Amino acid sequence: MDICTLIGTNIRKLRNSKKLSQEELAFRAEIDRSYLSEIENGYKNLSVVMLERIATALDVKITALFSGHK
Protein backbone atom coordinates (compact mmCIF):
# COMPACT_ATOMS: atom_id res chain seq x y z
CA MET A 1 0.00 0.00 0.00
CA ASP A 2 1.45 3.38 -0.96
CA ILE A 3 1.50 6.30 1.46
CA CYS A 4 -1.38 8.19 -0.21
CA THR A 5 -3.63 5.13 0.00
CA LEU A 6 -2.61 4.54 3.63
CA ILE A 7 -3.34 8.12 4.64
CA GLY A 8 -6.67 8.09 2.78
CA THR A 9 -7.67 4.84 4.46
CA ASN A 10 -6.74 6.21 7.88
CA ILE A 11 -8.71 9.40 7.27
CA ARG A 12 -11.78 7.35 6.28
CA LYS A 13 -11.44 5.11 9.36
CA LEU A 14 -11.05 8.09 11.69
CA ARG A 15 -13.96 9.90 10.04
CA ASN A 16 -16.20 6.86 10.37
CA SER A 17 -15.16 6.24 13.98
CA LYS A 18 -16.26 9.79 14.78
CA LYS A 19 -19.52 9.24 12.87
CA LEU A 20 -18.81 12.11 10.46
CA SER A 21 -20.01 12.22 6.88
CA GLN A 22 -17.61 13.25 4.15
CA GLU A 23 -19.59 16.46 3.86
CA GLU A 24 -19.18 17.26 7.57
CA LEU A 25 -15.44 16.55 7.61
CA ALA A 26 -14.93 18.52 4.40
CA PHE A 27 -16.82 21.45 5.92
CA ARG A 28 -14.70 21.32 9.09
CA ALA A 29 -11.46 21.10 7.09
CA GLU A 30 -12.66 23.81 4.66
CA ILE A 31 -12.23 21.64 1.57
CA ASP A 32 -14.59 20.38 -1.11
CA ARG A 33 -16.32 17.06 -0.42
CA SER A 34 -15.24 15.63 -3.78
CA TYR A 35 -11.62 16.52 -2.95
CA LEU A 36 -11.96 14.67 0.36
CA SER A 37 -13.32 11.66 -1.51
CA GLU A 38 -10.25 11.67 -3.76
CA ILE A 39 -8.01 11.90 -0.68
CA GLU A 40 -9.76 8.96 1.01
CA ASN A 41 -9.36 6.91 -2.16
CA GLY A 42 -5.61 7.62 -2.30
CA TYR A 43 -5.74 9.71 -5.47
CA LYS A 44 -4.28 12.91 -4.01
CA ASN A 45 -0.76 13.69 -2.85
CA LEU A 46 -1.42 15.98 0.11
CA SER A 47 0.56 18.94 1.36
CA VAL A 48 1.54 19.14 5.01
CA VAL A 49 -0.85 22.06 5.39
CA MET A 50 -3.76 19.97 4.11
CA LEU A 51 -2.81 17.05 6.37
CA GLU A 52 -2.80 19.41 9.35
CA ARG A 53 -6.22 20.85 8.42
CA ILE A 54 -7.74 17.38 8.18
CA ALA A 55 -6.11 16.21 11.42
CA THR A 56 -7.42 19.31 13.19
CA ALA A 57 -10.91 18.75 11.76
CA LEU A 58 -10.77 15.15 13.04
CA ASP A 59 -9.37 16.31 16.40
CA VAL A 60 -6.37 13.96 16.17
CA LYS A 61 -2.63 14.41 16.01
CA ILE A 62 -1.26 14.50 12.49
CA THR A 63 0.70 11.30 13.22
CA ALA A 64 -2.61 9.40 13.44
CA LEU A 65 -2.96 9.86 9.69
CA PHE A 66 0.26 7.86 9.16
CA SER A 67 -0.66 4.95 11.46
CA GLY A 68 0.59 1.68 10.05
CA HIS A 69 3.34 3.26 7.88
CA LYS A 70 6.74 1.63 8.18
PDB file of N, CA and C in Angstrom:
ATOM      1  N   MET A   1       0.854  -1.177   0.000  1.00  0.00           N
ATOM      2  CA  MET A   1       0.000   0.000   0.000  1.00  0.00           C
ATOM      3  C   MET A   1       0.899   1.240   0.000  1.00  0.00           C
ATOM      4  N   ASP A   2       0.642   2.162  -0.930  1.00  0.00           N
ATOM      5  CA  ASP A   2       1.446   3.376  -0.961  1.00  0.00           C
ATOM      6  C   ASP A   2       0.981   4.350   0.124  1.00  0.00           C
ATOM      7  N   ILE A   3       1.765   5.375   0.360  1.00  0.00           N
ATOM      8  CA  ILE A   3       1.504   6.297   1.459  1.00  0.00           C
ATOM      9  C   ILE A   3       0.201   7.077   1.266  1.00  0.00           C
ATOM     10  N   CYS A   4      -0.124   7.454   0.028  1.00  0.00           N
ATOM     11  CA  CYS A   4      -1.378   8.192  -0.211  1.00  0.00           C
ATOM     12  C   CYS A   4      -2.595   7.330   0.094  1.00  0.00           C
ATOM     13  N   THR A   5      -2.529   6.066  -0.284  1.00  0.00           N
ATOM     14  CA  THR A   5      -3.629   5.135   0.004  1.00  0.00           C
ATOM     15  C   THR A   5      -3.744   4.900   1.503  1.00  0.00           C
ATOM     16  N   LEU A   6      -2.608   4.747   2.176  1.00  0.00           N
ATOM     17  CA  LEU A   6      -2.607   4.541   3.630  1.00  0.00           C
ATOM     18  C   LEU A   6      -3.226   5.730   4.349  1.00  0.00           C
ATOM     19  N   ILE A   7      -2.801   6.924   3.996  1.00  0.00           N
ATOM     20  CA  ILE A   7      -3.338   8.125   4.636  1.00  0.00           C
ATOM     21  C   ILE A   7      -4.842   8.249   4.360  1.00  0.00           C
ATOM     22  N   GLY A   8      -5.248   8.018   3.119  1.00  0.00           N
ATOM     23  CA  GLY A   8      -6.669   8.088   2.780  1.00  0.00           C
ATOM     24  C   GLY A   8      -7.498   7.087   3.560  1.00  0.00           C
ATOM     25  N   THR A   9      -6.979   5.876   3.682  1.00  0.00           N
ATOM     26  CA  THR A   9      -7.670   4.837   4.456  1.00  0.00           C
ATOM     27  C   THR A   9      -7.783   5.241   5.920  1.00  0.00           C
ATOM     28  N   ASN A  10      -6.713   5.791   6.478  1.00  0.00           N
ATOM     29  CA  ASN A  10      -6.738   6.215   7.876  1.00  0.00           C
ATOM     30  C   ASN A  10      -7.712   7.363   8.093  1.00  0.00           C
ATOM     31  N   ILE A  11      -7.757   8.296   7.158  1.00  0.00           N
ATOM     32  CA  ILE A  11      -8.711   9.403   7.274  1.00  0.00           C
ATOM     33  C   ILE A  11     -10.139   8.859   7.266  1.00  0.00           C
ATOM     34  N   ARG A  12     -10.426   7.939   6.349  1.00  0.00           N
ATOM     35  CA  ARG A  12     -11.775   7.355   6.278  1.00  0.00           C
ATOM     36  C   ARG A  12     -12.121   6.636   7.586  1.00  0.00           C
ATOM     37  N   LYS A  13     -11.185   5.836   8.105  1.00  0.00           N
ATOM     38  CA  LYS A  13     -11.443   5.108   9.361  1.00  0.00           C
ATOM     39  C   LYS A  13     -11.696   6.076  10.509  1.00  0.00           C
ATOM     40  N   LEU A  14     -10.876   7.111  10.616  1.00  0.00           N
ATOM     41  CA  LEU A  14     -11.047   8.086  11.690  1.00  0.00           C
ATOM     42  C   LEU A  14     -12.378   8.836  11.528  1.00  0.00           C
ATOM     43  N   ARG A  15     -12.701   9.203  10.309  1.00  0.00           N
ATOM     44  CA  ARG A  15     -13.961   9.902  10.043  1.00  0.00           C
ATOM     45  C   ARG A  15     -15.148   9.028  10.439  1.00  0.00           C
ATOM     46  N   ASN A  16     -15.107   7.771  10.028  1.00  0.00           N
ATOM     47  CA  ASN A  16     -16.203   6.856  10.366  1.00  0.00           C
ATOM     48  C   ASN A  16     -16.292   6.602  11.866  1.00  0.00           C
ATOM     49  N   SER A  17     -15.148   6.495  12.536  1.00  0.00           N
ATOM     50  CA  SER A  17     -15.161   6.245  13.983  1.00  0.00           C
ATOM     51  C   SER A  17     -15.764   7.419  14.750  1.00  0.00           C
ATOM     52  N   LYS A  18     -15.681   8.608  14.156  1.00  0.00           N
ATOM     53  CA  LYS A  18     -16.261   9.793  14.781  1.00  0.00           C
ATOM     54  C   LYS A  18     -17.661  10.086  14.238  1.00  0.00           C
ATOM     55  N   LYS A  19     -18.168   9.137  13.420  1.00  0.00           N
ATOM     56  CA  LYS A  19     -19.519   9.238  12.865  1.00  0.00           C
ATOM     57  C   LYS A  19     -19.733  10.548  12.091  1.00  0.00           C
ATOM     58  N   LEU A  20     -18.726  10.918  11.300  1.00  0.00           N
ATOM     59  CA  LEU A  20     -18.814  12.108  10.463  1.00  0.00           C
ATOM     60  C   LEU A  20     -19.041  11.697   9.014  1.00  0.00           C
ATOM     61  N   SER A  21     -19.863  12.426   8.322  1.00  0.00           N
ATOM     62  CA  SER A  21     -20.010  12.219   6.880  1.00  0.00           C
ATOM     63  C   SER A  21     -18.829  12.897   6.183  1.00  0.00           C
ATOM     64  N   GLN A  22     -18.645  12.553   4.924  1.00  0.00           N
ATOM     65  CA  GLN A  22     -17.613  13.250   4.154  1.00  0.00           C
ATOM     66  C   GLN A  22     -17.928  14.736   4.091  1.00  0.00           C
ATOM     67  N   GLU A  23     -19.192  15.056   3.934  1.00  0.00           N
ATOM     68  CA  GLU A  23     -19.590  16.461   3.863  1.00  0.00           C
ATOM     69  C   GLU A  23     -19.225  17.213   5.137  1.00  0.00           C
ATOM     70  N   GLU A  24     -19.471  16.603   6.297  1.00  0.00           N
ATOM     71  CA  GLU A  24     -19.181  17.264   7.569  1.00  0.00           C
ATOM     72  C   GLU A  24     -17.676  17.454   7.757  1.00  0.00           C
ATOM     73  N   LEU A  25     -16.894  16.420   7.470  1.00  0.00           N
ATOM     74  CA  LEU A  25     -15.444  16.549   7.613  1.00  0.00           C
ATOM     75  C   LEU A  25     -14.899  17.580   6.626  1.00  0.00           C
ATOM     76  N   ALA A  26     -15.380  17.545   5.404  1.00  0.00           N
ATOM     77  CA  ALA A  26     -14.931  18.519   4.403  1.00  0.00           C
ATOM     78  C   ALA A  26     -15.254  19.942   4.859  1.00  0.00           C
ATOM     79  N   PHE A  27     -16.437  20.137   5.404  1.00  0.00           N
ATOM     80  CA  PHE A  27     -16.818  21.452   5.920  1.00  0.00           C
ATOM     81  C   PHE A  27     -15.867  21.894   7.027  1.00  0.00           C
ATOM     82  N   ARG A  28     -15.594  20.995   7.972  1.00  0.00           N
ATOM     83  CA  ARG A  28     -14.698  21.322   9.094  1.00  0.00           C
ATOM     84  C   ARG A  28     -13.274  21.623   8.626  1.00  0.00           C
ATOM     85  N   ALA A  29     -12.821  20.917   7.600  1.00  0.00           N
ATOM     86  CA  ALA A  29     -11.463  21.105   7.087  1.00  0.00           C
ATOM     87  C   ALA A  29     -11.396  22.197   6.016  1.00  0.00           C
ATOM     88  N   GLU A  30     -12.559  22.750   5.666  1.00  0.00           N
ATOM     89  CA  GLU A  30     -12.662  23.805   4.663  1.00  0.00           C
ATOM     90  C   GLU A  30     -12.124  23.365   3.302  1.00  0.00           C
ATOM     91  N   ILE A  31     -12.578  22.163   2.886  1.00  0.00           N
ATOM     92  CA  ILE A  31     -12.233  21.644   1.565  1.00  0.00           C
ATOM     93  C   ILE A  31     -13.506  21.129   0.903  1.00  0.00           C
ATOM     94  N   ASP A  32     -13.450  20.907  -0.381  1.00  0.00           N
ATOM     95  CA  ASP A  32     -14.590  20.384  -1.112  1.00  0.00           C
ATOM     96  C   ASP A  32     -14.787  18.900  -0.801  1.00  0.00           C
ATOM     97  N   ARG A  33     -16.041  18.452  -0.732  1.00  0.00           N
ATOM     98  CA  ARG A  33     -16.319  17.059  -0.425  1.00  0.00           C
ATOM     99  C   ARG A  33     -15.741  16.119  -1.470  1.00  0.00           C
ATOM    100  N   SER A  34     -15.785  16.494  -2.729  1.00  0.00           N
ATOM    101  CA  SER A  34     -15.235  15.629  -3.776  1.00  0.00           C
ATOM    102  C   SER A  34     -13.716  15.510  -3.649  1.00  0.00           C
ATOM    103  N   TYR A  35     -13.060  16.567  -3.192  1.00  0.00           N
ATOM    104  CA  TYR A  35     -11.617  16.519  -2.950  1.00  0.00           C
ATOM    105  C   TYR A  35     -11.317  15.549  -1.808  1.00  0.00           C
ATOM    106  N   LEU A  36     -12.124  15.603  -0.745  1.00  0.00           N
ATOM    107  CA  LEU A  36     -11.957  14.671   0.365  1.00  0.00           C
ATOM    108  C   LEU A  36     -12.139  13.238  -0.101  1.00  0.00           C
ATOM    109  N   SER A  37     -13.105  12.998  -0.969  1.00  0.00           N
ATOM    110  CA  SER A  37     -13.315  11.663  -1.513  1.00  0.00           C
ATOM    111  C   SER A  37     -12.067  11.170  -2.252  1.00  0.00           C
ATOM    112  N   GLU A  38     -11.466  12.038  -3.045  1.00  0.00           N
ATOM    113  CA  GLU A  38     -10.248  11.670  -3.764  1.00  0.00           C
ATOM    114  C   GLU A  38      -9.097  11.387  -2.795  1.00  0.00           C
ATOM    115  N   ILE A  39      -9.031  12.133  -1.711  1.00  0.00           N
ATOM    116  CA  ILE A  39      -8.010  11.896  -0.681  1.00  0.00           C
ATOM    117  C   ILE A  39      -8.226  10.521  -0.059  1.00  0.00           C
ATOM    118  N   GLU A  40      -9.460  10.238   0.352  1.00  0.00           N
ATOM    119  CA  GLU A  40      -9.758   8.963   1.007  1.00  0.00           C
ATOM    120  C   GLU A  40      -9.508   7.773   0.081  1.00  0.00           C
ATOM    121  N   ASN A  41      -9.608   7.984  -1.206  1.00  0.00           N
ATOM    122  CA  ASN A  41      -9.358   6.909  -2.163  1.00  0.00           C
ATOM    123  C   ASN A  41      -7.905   6.838  -2.606  1.00  0.00           C
ATOM    124  N   GLY A  42      -7.044   7.680  -2.025  1.00  0.00           N
ATOM    125  CA  GLY A  42      -5.609   7.618  -2.301  1.00  0.00           C
ATOM    126  C   GLY A  42      -5.186   8.252  -3.601  1.00  0.00           C
ATOM    127  N   TYR A  43      -6.049   9.099  -4.181  1.00  0.00           N
ATOM    128  CA  TYR A  43      -5.745   9.706  -5.471  1.00  0.00           C
ATOM    129  C   TYR A  43      -4.978  11.021  -5.369  1.00  0.00           C
ATOM    130  N   LYS A  44      -4.907  11.605  -4.179  1.00  0.00           N
ATOM    131  CA  LYS A  44      -4.276  12.908  -4.014  1.00  0.00           C
ATOM    132  C   LYS A  44      -3.011  12.816  -3.174  1.00  0.00           C
ATOM    133  N   ASN A  45      -1.993  13.549  -3.602  1.00  0.00           N
ATOM    134  CA  ASN A  45      -0.760  13.695  -2.850  1.00  0.00           C
ATOM    135  C   ASN A  45      -0.896  14.984  -2.044  1.00  0.00           C
ATOM    136  N   LEU A  46      -1.056  14.848  -0.737  1.00  0.00           N
ATOM    137  CA  LEU A  46      -1.416  15.983   0.106  1.00  0.00           C
ATOM    138  C   LEU A  46      -0.214  16.789   0.579  1.00  0.00           C
ATOM    139  N   SER A  47      -0.443  18.079   0.745  1.00  0.00           N
ATOM    140  CA  SER A  47       0.559  18.939   1.362  1.00  0.00           C
ATOM    141  C   SER A  47       0.493  18.770   2.881  1.00  0.00           C
ATOM    142  N   VAL A  48       1.513  19.189   3.540  1.00  0.00           N
ATOM    143  CA  VAL A  48       1.541  19.138   5.008  1.00  0.00           C
ATOM    144  C   VAL A  48       0.440  20.032   5.576  1.00  0.00           C
ATOM    145  N   VAL A  49       0.199  21.147   4.938  1.00  0.00           N
ATOM    146  CA  VAL A  49      -0.852  22.061   5.394  1.00  0.00           C
ATOM    147  C   VAL A  49      -2.219  21.377   5.334  1.00  0.00           C
ATOM    148  N   MET A  50      -2.480  20.672   4.248  1.00  0.00           N
ATOM    149  CA  MET A  50      -3.763  19.973   4.106  1.00  0.00           C
ATOM    150  C   MET A  50      -3.875  18.845   5.134  1.00  0.00           C
ATOM    151  N   LEU A  51      -2.801  18.109   5.352  1.00  0.00           N
ATOM    152  CA  LEU A  51      -2.806  17.045   6.373  1.00  0.00           C
ATOM    153  C   LEU A  51      -3.139  17.633   7.743  1.00  0.00           C
ATOM    154  N   GLU A  52      -2.558  18.784   8.047  1.00  0.00           N
ATOM    155  CA  GLU A  52      -2.795  19.414   9.345  1.00  0.00           C
ATOM    156  C   GLU A  52      -4.248  19.875   9.468  1.00  0.00           C
ATOM    157  N   ARG A  53      -4.817  20.409   8.399  1.00  0.00           N
ATOM    158  CA  ARG A  53      -6.217  20.854   8.423  1.00  0.00           C
ATOM    159  C   ARG A  53      -7.161  19.678   8.657  1.00  0.00           C
ATOM    160  N   ILE A  54      -6.887  18.556   8.012  1.00  0.00           N
ATOM    161  CA  ILE A  54      -7.739  17.378   8.181  1.00  0.00           C
ATOM    162  C   ILE A  54      -7.577  16.801   9.575  1.00  0.00           C
ATOM    163  N   ALA A  55      -6.344  16.714  10.064  1.00  0.00           N
ATOM    164  CA  ALA A  55      -6.112  16.208  11.420  1.00  0.00           C
ATOM    165  C   ALA A  55      -6.821  17.082  12.445  1.00  0.00           C
ATOM    166  N   THR A  56      -6.746  18.385  12.277  1.00  0.00           N
ATOM    167  CA  THR A  56      -7.420  19.308  13.189  1.00  0.00           C
ATOM    168  C   THR A  56      -8.931  19.109  13.129  1.00  0.00           C
ATOM    169  N   ALA A  57      -9.464  18.957  11.925  1.00  0.00           N
ATOM    170  CA  ALA A  57     -10.906  18.745  11.760  1.00  0.00           C
ATOM    171  C   ALA A  57     -11.358  17.435  12.399  1.00  0.00           C
ATOM    172  N   LEU A  58     -10.461  16.437  12.409  1.00  0.00           N
ATOM    173  CA  LEU A  58     -10.770  15.148  13.039  1.00  0.00           C
ATOM    174  C   LEU A  58     -10.446  15.132  14.529  1.00  0.00           C
ATOM    175  N   ASP A  59      -9.794  16.199  15.004  1.00  0.00           N
ATOM    176  CA  ASP A  59      -9.373  16.313  16.403  1.00  0.00           C
ATOM    177  C   ASP A  59      -8.413  15.182  16.790  1.00  0.00           C
ATOM    178  N   VAL A  60      -7.421  14.951  15.907  1.00  0.00           N
ATOM    179  CA  VAL A  60      -6.374  13.962  16.174  1.00  0.00           C
ATOM    180  C   VAL A  60      -5.019  14.589  15.861  1.00  0.00           C
ATOM    181  N   LYS A  61      -3.972  13.968  16.363  1.00  0.00           N
ATOM    182  CA  LYS A  61      -2.635  14.406  16.006  1.00  0.00           C
ATOM    183  C   LYS A  61      -2.356  13.995  14.573  1.00  0.00           C
ATOM    184  N   ILE A  62      -1.554  14.772  13.882  1.00  0.00           N
ATOM    185  CA  ILE A  62      -1.258  14.503  12.490  1.00  0.00           C
ATOM    186  C   ILE A  62      -0.635  13.110  12.305  1.00  0.00           C
ATOM    187  N   THR A  63       0.071  12.623  13.306  1.00  0.00           N
ATOM    188  CA  THR A  63       0.702  11.303  13.220  1.00  0.00           C
ATOM    189  C   THR A  63      -0.334  10.175  13.095  1.00  0.00           C
ATOM    190  N   ALA A  64      -1.553  10.425  13.554  1.00  0.00           N
ATOM    191  CA  ALA A  64      -2.610   9.404  13.440  1.00  0.00           C
ATOM    192  C   ALA A  64      -2.929   9.104  11.988  1.00  0.00           C
ATOM    193  N   LEU A  65      -2.678  10.065  11.104  1.00  0.00           N
ATOM    194  CA  LEU A  65      -2.961   9.862   9.689  1.00  0.00           C
ATOM    195  C   LEU A  65      -1.951   8.915   9.033  1.00  0.00           C
ATOM    196  N   PHE A  66      -0.805   8.707   9.697  1.00  0.00           N
ATOM    197  CA  PHE A  66       0.255   7.856   9.164  1.00  0.00           C
ATOM    198  C   PHE A  66       0.303   6.483   9.845  1.00  0.00           C
ATOM    199  N   SER A  67      -0.643   6.212  10.706  1.00  0.00           N
ATOM    200  CA  SER A  67      -0.660   4.952  11.459  1.00  0.00           C
ATOM    201  C   SER A  67      -0.532   3.763  10.533  1.00  0.00           C
ATOM    202  N   GLY A  68       0.385   2.862  10.845  1.00  0.00           N
ATOM    203  CA  GLY A  68       0.593   1.676  10.046  1.00  0.00           C
ATOM    204  C   GLY A  68       1.679   1.818   9.002  1.00  0.00           C
ATOM    205  N   HIS A  69       2.254   3.047   8.856  1.00  0.00           N
ATOM    206  CA  HIS A  69       3.335   3.256   7.876  1.00  0.00           C
ATOM    207  C   HIS A  69       4.661   2.832   8.478  1.00  0.00           C
ATOM    208  N   LYS A  70       5.440   2.109   7.690  1.00  0.00           N
ATOM    209  CA  LYS A  70       6.740   1.627   8.181  1.00  0.00           C
ATOM    210  C   LYS A  70       7.822   2.645   7.957  1.00  0.00           C
TER     211      LYS A  70
END
